Amino acid sequence: MDNDSLITRILKSVFFKNAQGKAGRYAGNANRLFELAKDVMGKLQTVGFKGNMVEFKSSVQLLIRMVRAYASGEYKGLPWKSLVSIVAVLIYFVSPIDIIPDFLPVIGITDDVALVIWLIKTLGNDIGKFSEWEKREKSINIG
């Protein structure tokens, strides 16, 4: 199965639709966003990262930083639609039951990886703006 058909199946799945349904409620509540970020970090600790998985981990960490910066009010440049998309993907990621259940060794994370890669490509412009903002903030705080 190629990546595009997997993404199509994920996006049409009841599991992702459920995550989308929750995403709007989460996105409007800073406490829920921080709790979701914590849950995602916890799940990242349980996944073994080798080879391309290191890039996946850094992508998820970037999404977490975006959510935290938005929730804290530090970063206001993230469009609502993009925030809701990020939150839906992170909710899907932390859910153990989805298209390919996470308890299946090795392949259980395949759908999660495909979905995160799709999101990073889809939100490339918003992610680029956030990364530039983050670099500016670090240089201000260091200097």
Protein backbone atom coordinates (compact mmCIF):
# COMPACT_ATOMS: atom_id res chain seq x y z
CA MET A 1 0.00 0.00 0.00
CA ASP A 2 1.48 3.36 -0.99
CA ASN A 3 1.61 6.32 1.35
CA ASP A 4 -1.13 8.30 -0.46
CA SER A 5 -3.69 5.53 -0.18
CA LEU A 6 -2.80 5.01 3.49
CA ILE A 7 -3.31 8.73 4.14
CA THR A 8 -6.64 8.65 2.31
CA ARG A 9 -7.77 5.68 4.42
CA ILE A 10 -6.65 7.39 7.63
CA LEU A 11 -8.35 10.70 6.81
CA LYS A 12 -11.62 8.93 6.00
CA SER A 13 -11.45 6.59 9.01
CA VAL A 14 -13.79 6.78 11.97
CA PHE A 15 -10.68 7.05 14.16
CA PHE A 16 -9.46 10.25 12.50
CA LYS A 17 -12.99 11.68 12.28
CA ASN A 18 -13.27 11.12 16.04
CA ALA A 19 -9.96 12.95 16.57
CA GLN A 20 -11.19 15.82 14.39
CA GLY A 21 -14.37 16.04 16.43
CA LYS A 22 -12.37 16.46 19.62
CA ALA A 23 -9.78 18.79 18.08
CA GLY A 24 -11.93 21.93 18.05
CA ARG A 25 -12.83 21.53 21.72
CA TYR A 26 -9.17 20.94 22.63
CA ALA A 27 -7.92 23.85 20.51
CA GLY A 28 -10.10 26.32 22.39
CA ASN A 29 -8.86 25.22 25.81
CA ALA A 30 -5.25 25.95 26.82
CA ASN A 31 -5.30 23.40 29.66
CA ARG A 32 -6.41 20.64 27.28
CA LEU A 33 -3.70 21.64 24.81
CA PHE A 34 -1.01 21.42 27.49
CA GLU A 35 -2.39 18.06 28.64
CA LEU A 36 -2.38 16.76 25.06
CA ALA A 37 1.22 17.93 24.61
CA LYS A 38 2.16 16.04 27.78
CA ASP A 39 0.39 12.88 26.54
CA VAL A 40 2.17 13.10 23.18
CA MET A 41 5.55 13.51 24.90
CA GLY A 42 4.75 10.45 27.01
CA LYS A 43 3.94 8.38 23.95
CA LEU A 44 7.10 9.57 22.20
CA GLN A 45 9.08 8.10 25.11
CA THR A 46 7.60 4.65 24.42
CA VAL A 47 8.43 4.54 20.69
CA GLY A 48 11.87 3.32 19.63
CA PHE A 49 13.57 5.82 17.32
CA LYS A 50 16.05 4.56 14.76
CA GLY A 51 16.88 5.81 11.27
CA ASN A 52 14.00 7.83 9.80
CA MET A 53 12.14 7.61 13.10
CA VAL A 54 14.47 10.26 14.54
CA GLU A 55 13.12 12.71 11.95
CA PHE A 56 9.58 11.68 12.87
CA LYS A 57 10.28 12.36 16.55
CA SER A 58 11.66 15.82 15.79
CA SER A 59 8.60 16.58 13.63
CA VAL A 60 6.25 15.61 16.47
CA GLN A 61 8.30 17.67 18.92
CA LEU A 62 7.97 20.66 16.59
CA LEU A 63 4.19 20.21 16.52
CA ILE A 64 4.17 20.04 20.32
CA ARG A 65 6.17 23.28 20.54
CA MET A 66 3.69 24.95 18.20
CA VAL A 67 0.74 23.83 20.31
CA ARG A 68 2.41 24.92 23.56
CA ALA A 69 3.41 28.32 22.15
CA TYR A 70 -0.15 28.87 20.93
CA ALA A 71 -1.70 27.69 24.21
CA SER A 72 0.55 29.96 26.28
CA GLY A 73 -0.31 32.95 24.09
CA GLU A 74 3.33 33.42 23.05
CA TYR A 75 2.68 32.62 19.39
CA LYS A 76 -0.41 34.05 17.73
CA GLY A 77 0.51 33.47 14.09
CA LEU A 78 -1.02 30.01 13.80
CA PRO A 79 -4.31 29.98 11.87
CA TRP A 80 -7.20 28.28 13.69
CA LYS A 81 -7.66 25.72 10.90
CA SER A 82 -3.97 24.73 11.12
CA LEU A 83 -4.14 24.46 14.92
CA VAL A 84 -7.19 22.21 14.71
CA SER A 85 -5.41 20.02 12.12
CA ILE A 86 -2.34 19.70 14.34
CA VAL A 87 -4.47 18.88 17.38
CA ALA A 88 -6.46 16.25 15.43
CA VAL A 89 -3.24 14.55 14.30
CA LEU A 90 -1.81 14.61 17.84
CA ILE A 91 -5.05 13.17 19.27
CA TYR A 92 -4.89 10.41 16.64
CA PHE A 93 -1.22 9.83 17.51
CA VAL A 94 -1.88 9.28 21.21
CA SER A 95 -4.84 7.02 20.59
CA PRO A 96 -3.75 3.37 20.85
CA ILE A 97 -6.62 2.17 18.66
CA ASP A 98 -6.60 3.50 15.12
CA ILE A 99 -6.25 2.22 11.54
CA ILE A 100 -3.18 0.18 12.52
CA PRO A 101 -3.37 -0.48 16.29
CA ASP A 102 -0.24 0.65 18.13
CA PHE A 103 0.14 -2.62 20.03
CA LEU A 104 1.22 -4.35 16.79
CA PRO A 105 5.02 -4.49 16.88
CA VAL A 106 6.87 -2.35 14.32
CA ILE A 107 3.91 -1.66 11.98
CA GLY A 108 1.64 -0.24 14.70
CA ILE A 109 3.13 3.24 14.35
CA THR A 110 3.09 3.26 10.53
CA ASP A 111 -0.19 5.14 10.23
CA ASP A 112 0.91 7.68 12.84
CA VAL A 113 4.16 8.35 10.96
CA ALA A 114 2.35 8.69 7.62
CA LEU A 115 -0.17 11.11 9.13
CA VAL A 116 2.51 13.32 10.73
CA ILE A 117 4.51 13.43 7.47
CA TRP A 118 1.33 14.38 5.58
CA LEU A 119 0.58 17.15 8.11
CA ILE A 120 4.11 18.56 7.95
CA LYS A 121 3.86 18.74 4.15
CA THR A 122 0.33 20.19 4.26
CA LEU A 123 1.19 22.90 6.79
CA GLY A 124 4.65 23.67 5.40
CA ASN A 125 4.04 27.42 5.21
CA ASP A 126 2.66 27.69 8.77
CA ILE A 127 5.46 25.50 10.10
CA GLY A 128 8.06 27.63 8.32
CA LYS A 129 6.61 30.81 9.88
CA PHE A 130 6.62 29.22 13.33
CA SER A 131 10.22 28.01 12.92
CA GLU A 132 11.32 31.53 11.95
CA TRP A 133 9.45 32.97 14.95
CA GLU A 134 11.03 30.37 17.23
CA LYS A 135 14.54 31.21 15.96
CA ARG A 136 13.92 34.94 16.51
CA GLU A 137 12.62 34.28 20.04
CA LYS A 138 15.68 32.20 20.92
CA SER A 139 18.06 34.84 19.58
CA ILE A 140 16.22 37.55 21.57
CA ASN A 141 16.31 35.47 24.76
CA ILE A 142 20.00 34.59 24.31
CA GLY A 143 21.11 38.08 23.28
